[in-house]
Amino acid sequence: MSDTKISPLACVDSHAEIGVGVEIGPFAVVEAGAKIGDGSILHPHAVVRYGSTLGKGCEIHPNAVIGGVPQDLKFQGEDSTAILGDYTTVRECATVNRGTASRGTTIVGSHCLLMAYSHIAHDCVLGDHIIIGNATQIAGEVEIDDHAIISGGVLVHQFVRISQHVMIQGGSRISKDIPPYVLVGRDPLVYCGINIVGLRRRNFTNEQIFLINDVYRTLYQRGLNNSDAIDIIQQEYADCHEKQLILDFIKSSKRGIVRGTME
């Protein structure tokens, strides 16, 4: 534990694994079996519970709880885990529950930001570079792909899938799957266009952005059902990774994708 700084007022179990250069503030709690990666910071009153693993460079702010018992009545105390990737930040009073027998683990990827009072429920799987806004509530077994941004006060229903490079308006209620590259919002939830600003920030070319826009215009603005839209998209647009990702997501959706557009 070279270069590690642990406050004498912290409660760190002797069976926890603490990496190099870790800082643990007063009244923080690290339970037995928890693993804290190199260079991570636990602020005062942060809690990392049994079954939790933090990658390197993570930062857990006051009163955040990692690896809490799942809020699932079927949970019977089985061994399960909560895993955070590298350089992920969890802000004040946010919670990440560990998994249940369903998947056994809850995963939050690397370079993510979970803002204050957000909640990641049991068995969720979050990719990398994801932002979860203040007080956003993610129900059990939700999957969120890389570079998604979910604004504050959003409610996400159990089992929903949110694809990559998506941006969701604050206060939205999500009960359908959200396909790649789109903006969604309003009440009831509708498609609001593609996430052009986000795509440009991720160095998508104009050609890629134009194709994505054309694909979604066919899907949402030509009065077609999903099956007919998929057939036209397959025939009219050049094969590329972006097109295939959209089609594969729609075809594999179990809850159905968000429908409707802004008027």
C-alpha atoms as a PDB file:
ATOM      1  CA  MET A   1       0.000   0.000   0.000  1.00  0.00           C
ATOM      2  CA  SER A   2       2.910   2.323  -0.783  1.00  0.00           C
ATOM      3  CA  ASP A   3       1.968   6.022  -1.009  1.00  0.00           C
ATOM      4  CA  THR A   4      -1.547   5.203   0.138  1.00  0.00           C
ATOM      5  CA  LYS A   5      -3.171   7.685   2.517  1.00  0.00           C
ATOM      6  CA  ILE A   6      -5.870   6.310   4.807  1.00  0.00           C
ATOM      7  CA  SER A   7      -7.407   8.557   7.424  1.00  0.00           C
ATOM      8  CA  PRO A   8      -7.278   7.080  10.929  1.00  0.00           C
ATOM      9  CA  LEU A   9     -10.994   7.881  11.086  1.00  0.00           C
ATOM     10  CA  ALA A  10     -11.795   5.689   8.065  1.00  0.00           C
ATOM     11  CA  CYS A  11     -13.199   2.176   8.528  1.00  0.00           C
ATOM     12  CA  VAL A  12     -11.200  -0.076   6.206  1.00  0.00           C
ATOM     13  CA  ASP A  13     -11.494  -3.827   6.705  1.00  0.00           C
ATOM     14  CA  SER A  14      -8.202  -5.687   6.865  1.00  0.00           C
ATOM     15  CA  HIS A  15      -9.457  -8.067   4.157  1.00  0.00           C
ATOM     16  CA  ALA A  16     -10.057  -5.276   1.639  1.00  0.00           C
ATOM     17  CA  GLU A  17      -7.528  -4.911  -1.183  1.00  0.00           C
ATOM     18  CA  ILE A  18      -6.176  -1.368  -1.410  1.00  0.00           C
ATOM     19  CA  GLY A  19      -4.008  -0.346  -4.365  1.00  0.00           C
ATOM     20  CA  VAL A  20      -1.025   1.972  -4.590  1.00  0.00           C
ATOM     21  CA  GLY A  21      -1.589   5.702  -4.149  1.00  0.00           C
ATOM     22  CA  VAL A  22      -5.150   5.361  -2.880  1.00  0.00           C
ATOM     23  CA  GLU A  23      -6.583   8.128  -0.684  1.00  0.00           C
ATOM     24  CA  ILE A  24      -9.343   7.293   1.799  1.00  0.00           C
ATOM     25  CA  GLY A  25     -10.904  10.123   3.770  1.00  0.00           C
ATOM     26  CA  PRO A  26     -12.361  10.207   7.271  1.00  0.00           C
ATOM     27  CA  PHE A  27     -15.474   8.126   7.953  1.00  0.00           C
ATOM     28  CA  ALA A  28     -15.230   6.382   4.591  1.00  0.00           C
ATOM     29  CA  VAL A  29     -16.081   2.660   4.754  1.00  0.00           C
ATOM     30  CA  VAL A  30     -14.403  -0.133   2.777  1.00  0.00           C
ATOM     31  CA  GLU A  31     -15.799  -3.570   3.555  1.00  0.00           C
ATOM     32  CA  ALA A  32     -14.066  -6.948   3.478  1.00  0.00           C
ATOM     33  CA  GLY A  33     -13.476  -8.263  -0.034  1.00  0.00           C
ATOM     34  CA  ALA A  34     -13.730  -4.860  -1.684  1.00  0.00           C
ATOM     35  CA  LYS A  35     -10.952  -3.969  -4.128  1.00  0.00           C
ATOM     36  CA  ILE A  36      -9.797  -0.380  -4.633  1.00  0.00           C
ATOM     37  CA  GLY A  37      -7.656   0.269  -7.721  1.00  0.00           C
ATOM     38  CA  ASP A  38      -4.435   2.262  -7.787  1.00  0.00           C
ATOM     39  CA  GLY A  39      -4.764   6.016  -7.445  1.00  0.00           C
ATOM     40  CA  SER A  40      -8.437   5.975  -6.501  1.00  0.00           C
ATOM     41  CA  ILE A  41      -9.886   8.529  -4.079  1.00  0.00           C
ATOM     42  CA  LEU A  42     -12.609   7.866  -1.519  1.00  0.00           C
ATOM     43  CA  HIS A  43     -13.876  11.113  -0.054  1.00  0.00           C
ATOM     44  CA  PRO A  44     -15.213  11.362   3.514  1.00  0.00           C
ATOM     45  CA  HIS A  45     -18.271   9.161   4.143  1.00  0.00           C
ATOM     46  CA  ALA A  46     -17.928   7.276   0.835  1.00  0.00           C
ATOM     47  CA  VAL A  47     -18.924   3.602   1.151  1.00  0.00           C
ATOM     48  CA  VAL A  48     -17.518   0.692  -0.872  1.00  0.00           C
ATOM     49  CA  ARG A  49     -19.232  -2.519   0.156  1.00  0.00           C
ATOM     50  CA  TYR A  50     -18.460  -6.223  -0.044  1.00  0.00           C
ATOM     51  CA  GLY A  51     -18.226  -7.519  -3.601  1.00  0.00           C
ATOM     52  CA  SER A  52     -17.182  -4.190  -5.104  1.00  0.00           C
ATOM     53  CA  THR A  53     -14.214  -3.620  -7.396  1.00  0.00           C
ATOM     54  CA  LEU A  54     -12.979  -0.167  -8.369  1.00  0.00           C
ATOM     55  CA  GLY A  55     -10.551   0.260 -11.252  1.00  0.00           C
ATOM     56  CA  LYS A  56      -7.625   2.625 -11.102  1.00  0.00           C
ATOM     57  CA  GLY A  57      -8.136   6.363 -10.758  1.00  0.00           C
ATOM     58  CA  CYS A  58     -11.764   6.198  -9.611  1.00  0.00           C
ATOM     59  CA  GLU A  59     -13.200   8.935  -7.398  1.00  0.00           C
ATOM     60  CA  ILE A  60     -16.066   8.271  -4.993  1.00  0.00           C
ATOM     61  CA  HIS A  61     -17.583  11.373  -3.416  1.00  0.00           C
ATOM     62  CA  PRO A  62     -19.215  11.787   0.015  1.00  0.00           C
ATOM     63  CA  ASN A  63     -22.170   9.523   0.850  1.00  0.00           C
ATOM     64  CA  ALA A  64     -21.999   7.612  -2.424  1.00  0.00           C
ATOM     65  CA  VAL A  65     -22.450   3.849  -1.969  1.00  0.00           C
ATOM     66  CA  ILE A  66     -20.888   1.262  -4.273  1.00  0.00           C
ATOM     67  CA  GLY A  67     -22.031  -2.361  -4.064  1.00  0.00           C
ATOM     68  CA  GLY A  68     -25.115  -1.883  -1.914  1.00  0.00           C
ATOM     69  CA  VAL A  69     -27.587  -4.733  -1.474  1.00  0.00           C
ATOM     70  CA  PRO A  70     -29.928  -4.949  -4.506  1.00  0.00           C
ATOM     71  CA  GLN A  71     -33.406  -3.492  -4.100  1.00  0.00           C
ATOM     72  CA  ASP A  72     -34.920  -6.679  -5.479  1.00  0.00           C
ATOM     73  CA  LEU A  73     -37.221  -8.839  -3.358  1.00  0.00           C
ATOM     74  CA  LYS A  74     -35.909 -11.962  -5.124  1.00  0.00           C
ATOM     75  CA  PHE A  75     -32.402 -11.332  -3.795  1.00  0.00           C
ATOM     76  CA  GLN A  76     -31.518 -14.043  -1.275  1.00  0.00           C
ATOM     77  CA  GLY A  77     -28.062 -12.894  -0.213  1.00  0.00           C
ATOM     78  CA  GLU A  78     -26.216 -14.722  -2.973  1.00  0.00           C
ATOM     79  CA  ASP A  79     -22.651 -13.634  -3.734  1.00  0.00           C
ATOM     80  CA  SER A  80     -22.625 -10.938  -6.383  1.00  0.00           C
ATOM     81  CA  THR A  81     -20.479  -8.007  -7.435  1.00  0.00           C
ATOM     82  CA  ALA A  82     -20.413  -4.387  -8.540  1.00  0.00           C
ATOM     83  CA  ILE A  83     -17.553  -3.402 -10.833  1.00  0.00           C
ATOM     84  CA  LEU A  84     -16.384   0.075 -11.822  1.00  0.00           C
ATOM     85  CA  GLY A  85     -13.855   0.537 -14.614  1.00  0.00           C
ATOM     86  CA  ASP A  86     -10.913   2.929 -14.615  1.00  0.00           C
ATOM     87  CA  TYR A  87     -11.217   6.684 -14.014  1.00  0.00           C
ATOM     88  CA  THR A  88     -14.916   6.626 -13.250  1.00  0.00           C
ATOM     89  CA  THR A  89     -16.329   9.306 -10.948  1.00  0.00           C
ATOM     90  CA  VAL A  90     -19.321   8.789  -8.664  1.00  0.00           C
ATOM     91  CA  ARG A  91     -20.670  12.003  -7.170  1.00  0.00           C
ATOM     92  CA  GLU A  92     -22.420  12.714  -3.893  1.00  0.00           C
ATOM     93  CA  CYS A  93     -25.160  10.317  -2.713  1.00  0.00           C
ATOM     94  CA  ALA A  94     -25.139   8.261  -5.918  1.00  0.00           C
ATOM     95  CA  THR A  95     -25.665   4.506  -5.557  1.00  0.00           C
ATOM     96  CA  VAL A  96     -24.520   1.479  -7.535  1.00  0.00           C
ATOM     97  CA  ASN A  97     -26.140  -1.759  -6.319  1.00  0.00           C
ATOM     98  CA  ARG A  98     -24.446  -5.094  -6.823  1.00  0.00           C
ATOM     99  CA  GLY A  99     -25.929  -7.856  -8.977  1.00  0.00           C
ATOM    100  CA  THR A 100     -28.393 -10.641  -8.264  1.00  0.00           C
ATOM    101  CA  ALA A 101     -28.654 -14.260  -9.362  1.00  0.00           C
ATOM    102  CA  SER A 102     -29.914 -12.993 -12.734  1.00  0.00           C
ATOM    103  CA  ARG A 103     -26.520 -11.764 -13.975  1.00  0.00           C
ATOM    104  CA  GLY A 104     -24.416 -11.807 -10.843  1.00  0.00           C
ATOM    105  CA  THR A 105     -22.839  -8.429 -11.389  1.00  0.00           C
ATOM    106  CA  THR A 106     -23.478  -4.764 -12.033  1.00  0.00           C
ATOM    107  CA  ILE A 107     -20.938  -3.129 -14.336  1.00  0.00           C
ATOM    108  CA  VAL A 108     -20.089   0.524 -14.874  1.00  0.00           C
ATOM    109  CA  GLY A 109     -17.347   1.016 -17.451  1.00  0.00           C
ATOM    110  CA  SER A 110     -14.343   3.336 -17.595  1.00  0.00           C
ATOM    111  CA  HIS A 111     -14.331   7.144 -17.792  1.00  0.00           C
ATOM    112  CA  CYS A 112     -17.964   7.375 -16.680  1.00  0.00           C
ATOM    113  CA  LEU A 113     -19.561  10.124 -14.598  1.00  0.00           C
ATOM    114  CA  LEU A 114     -22.449   9.305 -12.283  1.00  0.00           C
ATOM    115  CA  MET A 115     -23.773  12.620 -10.997  1.00  0.00           C
ATOM    116  CA  ALA A 116     -25.265  13.317  -7.572  1.00  0.00           C
ATOM    117  CA  TYR A 117     -28.223  11.203  -6.403  1.00  0.00           C
ATOM    118  CA  SER A 118     -28.181   9.007  -9.498  1.00  0.00           C
ATOM    119  CA  HIS A 119     -28.968   5.314  -9.029  1.00  0.00           C
ATOM    120  CA  ILE A 120     -27.680   2.283 -10.925  1.00  0.00           C
ATOM    121  CA  ALA A 121     -29.737  -0.761  -9.970  1.00  0.00           C
ATOM    122  CA  HIS A 122     -28.822  -4.439  -9.857  1.00  0.00           C
ATOM    123  CA  ASP A 123     -27.389  -6.192 -12.916  1.00  0.00           C
ATOM    124  CA  CYS A 124     -27.103  -3.088 -15.091  1.00  0.00           C
ATOM    125  CA  VAL A 125     -24.314  -3.003 -17.667  1.00  0.00           C
ATOM    126  CA  LEU A 126     -22.920   0.409 -18.604  1.00  0.00           C
ATOM    127  CA  GLY A 127     -20.197   0.899 -21.194  1.00  0.00           C
ATOM    128  CA  ASP A 128     -17.431   3.510 -21.271  1.00  0.00           C
ATOM    129  CA  HIS A 129     -17.574   7.329 -21.405  1.00  0.00           C
ATOM    130  CA  ILE A 130     -21.168   7.477 -20.165  1.00  0.00           C
ATOM    131  CA  ILE A 131     -22.667  10.439 -18.302  1.00  0.00           C
ATOM    132  CA  ILE A 132     -25.614   9.890 -15.966  1.00  0.00           C
ATOM    133  CA  GLY A 133     -27.213  13.172 -14.845  1.00  0.00           C
ATOM    134  CA  ASN A 134     -28.279  14.272 -11.385  1.00  0.00           C
ATOM    135  CA  ALA A 135     -31.085  12.201  -9.809  1.00  0.00           C
ATOM    136  CA  THR A 136     -31.438   9.940 -12.845  1.00  0.00           C
ATOM    137  CA  GLN A 137     -32.739   6.508 -11.860  1.00  0.00           C
ATOM    138  CA  ILE A 138     -31.660   3.432 -13.812  1.00  0.00           C
ATOM    139  CA  ALA A 139     -33.752   0.348 -13.012  1.00  0.00           C
ATOM    140  CA  GLY A 140     -32.501  -3.235 -12.932  1.00  0.00           C
ATOM    141  CA  GLU A 141     -30.834  -4.995 -15.878  1.00  0.00           C
ATOM    142  CA  VAL A 142     -30.675  -1.922 -18.088  1.00  0.00           C
ATOM    143  CA  GLU A 143     -27.914  -1.854 -20.723  1.00  0.00           C
ATOM    144  CA  ILE A 144     -26.318   1.443 -21.792  1.00  0.00           C
ATOM    145  CA  ASP A 145     -23.661   1.586 -24.509  1.00  0.00           C
ATOM    146  CA  ASP A 146     -20.583   3.796 -24.886  1.00  0.00           C
ATOM    147  CA  HIS A 147     -20.767   7.606 -25.085  1.00  0.00           C
ATOM    148  CA  ALA A 148     -24.424   7.824 -24.054  1.00  0.00           C
ATOM    149  CA  ILE A 149     -25.481  10.968 -22.183  1.00  0.00           C
ATOM    150  CA  ILE A 150     -28.556  10.740 -19.969  1.00  0.00           C
ATOM    151  CA  SER A 151     -29.563  14.117 -18.572  1.00  0.00           C
ATOM    152  CA  GLY A 152     -30.870  14.815 -15.079  1.00  0.00           C
ATOM    153  CA  GLY A 153     -34.089  13.455 -13.610  1.00  0.00           C
ATOM    154  CA  VAL A 154     -34.544  10.680 -16.180  1.00  0.00           C
ATOM    155  CA  LEU A 155     -36.402   7.474 -15.237  1.00  0.00           C
ATOM    156  CA  VAL A 156     -35.301   4.347 -17.106  1.00  0.00           C
ATOM    157  CA  HIS A 157     -37.528   1.253 -16.959  1.00  0.00           C
ATOM    158  CA  GLN A 158     -36.182  -2.197 -16.151  1.00  0.00           C
ATOM    159  CA  PHE A 159     -34.611  -4.143 -19.069  1.00  0.00           C
ATOM    160  CA  VAL A 160     -34.382  -1.116 -21.383  1.00  0.00           C
ATOM    161  CA  ARG A 161     -31.435  -0.908 -23.787  1.00  0.00           C
ATOM    162  CA  ILE A 162     -29.870   2.446 -24.645  1.00  0.00           C
ATOM    163  CA  SER A 163     -27.414   2.346 -27.519  1.00  0.00           C
ATOM    164  CA  GLN A 164     -24.238   4.305 -28.139  1.00  0.00           C
ATOM    165  CA  HIS A 165     -23.886   8.052 -28.815  1.00  0.00           C
ATOM    166  CA  VAL A 166     -27.436   8.697 -27.585  1.00  0.00           C
ATOM    167  CA  MET A 167     -28.519  11.841 -25.746  1.00  0.00           C
ATOM    168  CA  ILE A 168     -31.663  11.860 -23.604  1.00  0.00           C
ATOM    169  CA  GLN A 169     -33.468  15.028 -22.509  1.00  0.00           C
ATOM    170  CA  GLY A 170     -33.788  15.743 -18.793  1.00  0.00           C
ATOM    171  CA  GLY A 171     -36.943  14.549 -17.077  1.00  0.00           C
ATOM    172  CA  SER A 172     -37.704  11.900 -19.706  1.00  0.00           C
ATOM    173  CA  ARG A 173     -39.354   8.572 -18.924  1.00  0.00           C
ATOM    174  CA  ILE A 174     -37.765   5.726 -20.860  1.00  0.00           C
ATOM    175  CA  SER A 175     -39.725   2.506 -21.346  1.00  0.00           C
ATOM    176  CA  LYS A 176     -38.648   1.660 -24.910  1.00  0.00           C
ATOM    177  CA  ASP A 177     -35.221   0.859 -26.331  1.00  0.00           C
ATOM    178  CA  ILE A 178     -33.233   3.804 -27.715  1.00  0.00           C
ATOM    179  CA  PRO A 179     -31.335   3.093 -30.969  1.00  0.00           C
ATOM    180  CA  PRO A 180     -27.835   4.460 -31.739  1.00  0.00           C
ATOM    181  CA  TYR A 181     -26.929   8.083 -32.479  1.00  0.00           C
ATOM    182  CA  VAL A 182     -30.270   9.714 -31.636  1.00  0.00           C
ATOM    183  CA  LEU A 183     -31.716  12.477 -29.480  1.00  0.00           C
ATOM    184  CA  VAL A 184     -34.905  11.656 -27.578  1.00  0.00           C
ATOM    185  CA  GLY A 185     -37.085  13.680 -25.240  1.00  0.00           C
ATOM    186  CA  ARG A 186     -40.483  15.274 -24.543  1.00  0.00           C
ATOM    187  CA  ASP A 187     -43.502  13.682 -22.913  1.00  0.00           C
ATOM    188  CA  PRO A 188     -44.498  11.227 -24.177  1.00  0.00           C
ATOM    189  CA  LEU A 189     -41.005  10.311 -25.350  1.00  0.00           C
ATOM    190  CA  VAL A 190     -40.294  10.828 -29.059  1.00  0.00           C
ATOM    191  CA  TYR A 191     -37.408  10.838 -31.524  1.00  0.00           C
ATOM    192  CA  CYS A 192     -35.962  14.365 -31.771  1.00  0.00           C
ATOM    193  CA  GLY A 193     -33.315  13.910 -34.469  1.00  0.00           C
ATOM    194  CA  ILE A 194     -29.772  12.599 -34.463  1.00  0.00           C
ATOM    195  CA  ASN A 195     -27.096  13.617 -31.988  1.00  0.00           C
ATOM    196  CA  ILE A 196     -25.114  15.732 -34.462  1.00  0.00           C
ATOM    197  CA  VAL A 197     -23.109  17.652 -31.852  1.00  0.00           C
ATOM    198  CA  GLY A 198     -22.140  14.464 -30.045  1.00  0.00           C
ATOM    199  CA  LEU A 199     -21.165  12.715 -33.267  1.00  0.00           C
ATOM    200  CA  ARG A 200     -18.963  15.611 -34.364  1.00  0.00           C
ATOM    201  CA  ARG A 201     -17.284  15.631 -30.968  1.00  0.00           C
ATOM    202  CA  ARG A 202     -16.502  11.953 -31.528  1.00  0.00           C
ATOM    203  CA  ASN A 203     -14.961  12.751 -34.939  1.00  0.00           C
ATOM    204  CA  PHE A 204     -17.672  11.255 -37.130  1.00  0.00           C
ATOM    205  CA  THR A 205     -17.287  12.480 -40.706  1.00  0.00           C
ATOM    206  CA  ASN A 206     -19.948  14.478 -42.537  1.00  0.00           C
ATOM    207  CA  GLU A 207     -20.510  11.474 -44.780  1.00  0.00           C
ATOM    208  CA  GLN A 208     -21.213   9.248 -41.777  1.00  0.00           C
ATOM    209  CA  ILE A 209     -23.514  11.835 -40.200  1.00  0.00           C
ATOM    210  CA  PHE A 210     -25.469  12.368 -43.437  1.00  0.00           C
ATOM    211  CA  LEU A 211     -25.984   8.622 -43.846  1.00  0.00           C
ATOM    212  CA  ILE A 212     -27.151   8.207 -40.240  1.00  0.00           C
ATOM    213  CA  ASN A 213     -29.577  11.099 -40.730  1.00  0.00           C
ATOM    214  CA  ASP A 214     -30.950   9.579 -43.948  1.00  0.00           C
ATOM    215  CA  VAL A 215     -31.441   6.198 -42.288  1.00  0.00           C
ATOM    216  CA  TYR A 216     -33.447   7.731 -39.449  1.00  0.00           C
ATOM    217  CA  ARG A 217     -35.459   9.905 -41.824  1.00  0.00           C
ATOM    218  CA  THR A 218     -36.560   6.681 -43.507  1.00  0.00           C
ATOM    219  CA  LEU A 219     -37.314   5.041 -40.176  1.00  0.00           C
ATOM    220  CA  TYR A 220     -39.238   7.893 -38.579  1.00  0.00           C
ATOM    221  CA  GLN A 221     -40.426  10.360 -41.209  1.00  0.00           C
ATOM    222  CA  ARG A 222     -41.679   8.414 -44.211  1.00  0.00           C
ATOM    223  CA  GLY A 223     -44.750   6.887 -42.578  1.00  0.00           C
ATOM    224  CA  LEU A 224     -43.371   3.346 -42.660  1.00  0.00           C
ATOM    225  CA  ASN A 225     -43.620   0.562 -40.123  1.00  0.00           C
ATOM    226  CA  ASN A 226     -40.354  -0.889 -38.828  1.00  0.00           C
ATOM    227  CA  SER A 227     -40.316  -3.890 -41.169  1.00  0.00           C
ATOM    228  CA  ASP A 228     -40.855  -1.824 -44.324  1.00  0.00           C
ATOM    229  CA  ALA A 229     -38.363   0.802 -43.172  1.00  0.00           C
ATOM    230  CA  ILE A 230     -35.726  -1.859 -42.536  1.00  0.00           C
ATOM    231  CA  ASP A 231     -36.227  -3.305 -46.034  1.00  0.00           C
ATOM    232  CA  ILE A 232     -35.812   0.119 -47.653  1.00  0.00           C
ATOM    233  CA  ILE A 233     -32.762   0.978 -45.539  1.00  0.00           C
ATOM    234  CA  GLN A 234     -31.101  -2.287 -46.521  1.00  0.00           C
ATOM    235  CA  GLN A 235     -31.752  -1.634 -50.216  1.00  0.00           C
ATOM    236  CA  GLU A 236     -31.198   2.119 -50.570  1.00  0.00           C
ATOM    237  CA  TYR A 237     -28.154   2.867 -48.416  1.00  0.00           C
ATOM    238  CA  ALA A 238     -24.570   1.730 -48.753  1.00  0.00           C
ATOM    239  CA  ASP A 239     -23.371  -0.944 -46.389  1.00  0.00           C
ATOM    240  CA  CYS A 240     -21.370   0.490 -43.506  1.00  0.00           C
ATOM    241  CA  HIS A 241     -20.826  -0.036 -39.803  1.00  0.00           C
ATOM    242  CA  GLU A 242     -23.272   2.689 -38.759  1.00  0.00           C
ATOM    243  CA  LYS A 243     -26.139   1.366 -40.872  1.00  0.00           C
ATOM    244  CA  GLN A 244     -25.595  -2.190 -39.702  1.00  0.00           C
ATOM    245  CA  LEU A 245     -25.433  -1.147 -36.050  1.00  0.00           C
ATOM    246  CA  ILE A 246     -28.798   0.617 -36.352  1.00  0.00           C
ATOM    247  CA  LEU A 247     -30.443  -2.316 -38.120  1.00  0.00           C
ATOM    248  CA  ASP A 248     -29.032  -4.914 -35.733  1.00  0.00           C
ATOM    249  CA  PHE A 249     -30.238  -2.911 -32.745  1.00  0.00           C
ATOM    250  CA  ILE A 250     -33.776  -2.542 -34.101  1.00  0.00           C
ATOM    251  CA  LYS A 251     -34.026  -6.219 -35.038  1.00  0.00           C
ATOM    252  CA  SER A 252     -32.790  -7.381 -31.629  1.00  0.00           C
ATOM    253  CA  SER A 253     -34.949  -5.020 -29.561  1.00  0.00           C
ATOM    254  CA  LYS A 254     -37.249  -6.906 -27.206  1.00  0.00           C
ATOM    255  CA  ARG A 255     -39.170  -3.890 -25.895  1.00  0.00           C
ATOM    256  CA  GLY A 256     -39.441  -2.107 -29.236  1.00  0.00           C
ATOM    257  CA  ILE A 257     -37.739   1.178 -30.063  1.00  0.00           C
ATOM    258  CA  VAL A 258     -38.996   4.660 -29.258  1.00  0.00           C
ATOM    259  CA  ARG A 259     -41.603   5.831 -31.781  1.00  0.00           C
ATOM    260  CA  GLY A 260     -43.056   9.181 -32.772  1.00  0.00           C
ATOM    261  CA  THR A 261     -41.357  12.425 -33.786  1.00  0.00           C
ATOM    262  CA  MET A 262     -41.467  16.082 -32.797  1.00  0.00           C
ATOM    263  CA  GLU A 263     -44.318  18.015 -34.405  1.00  0.00           C
END
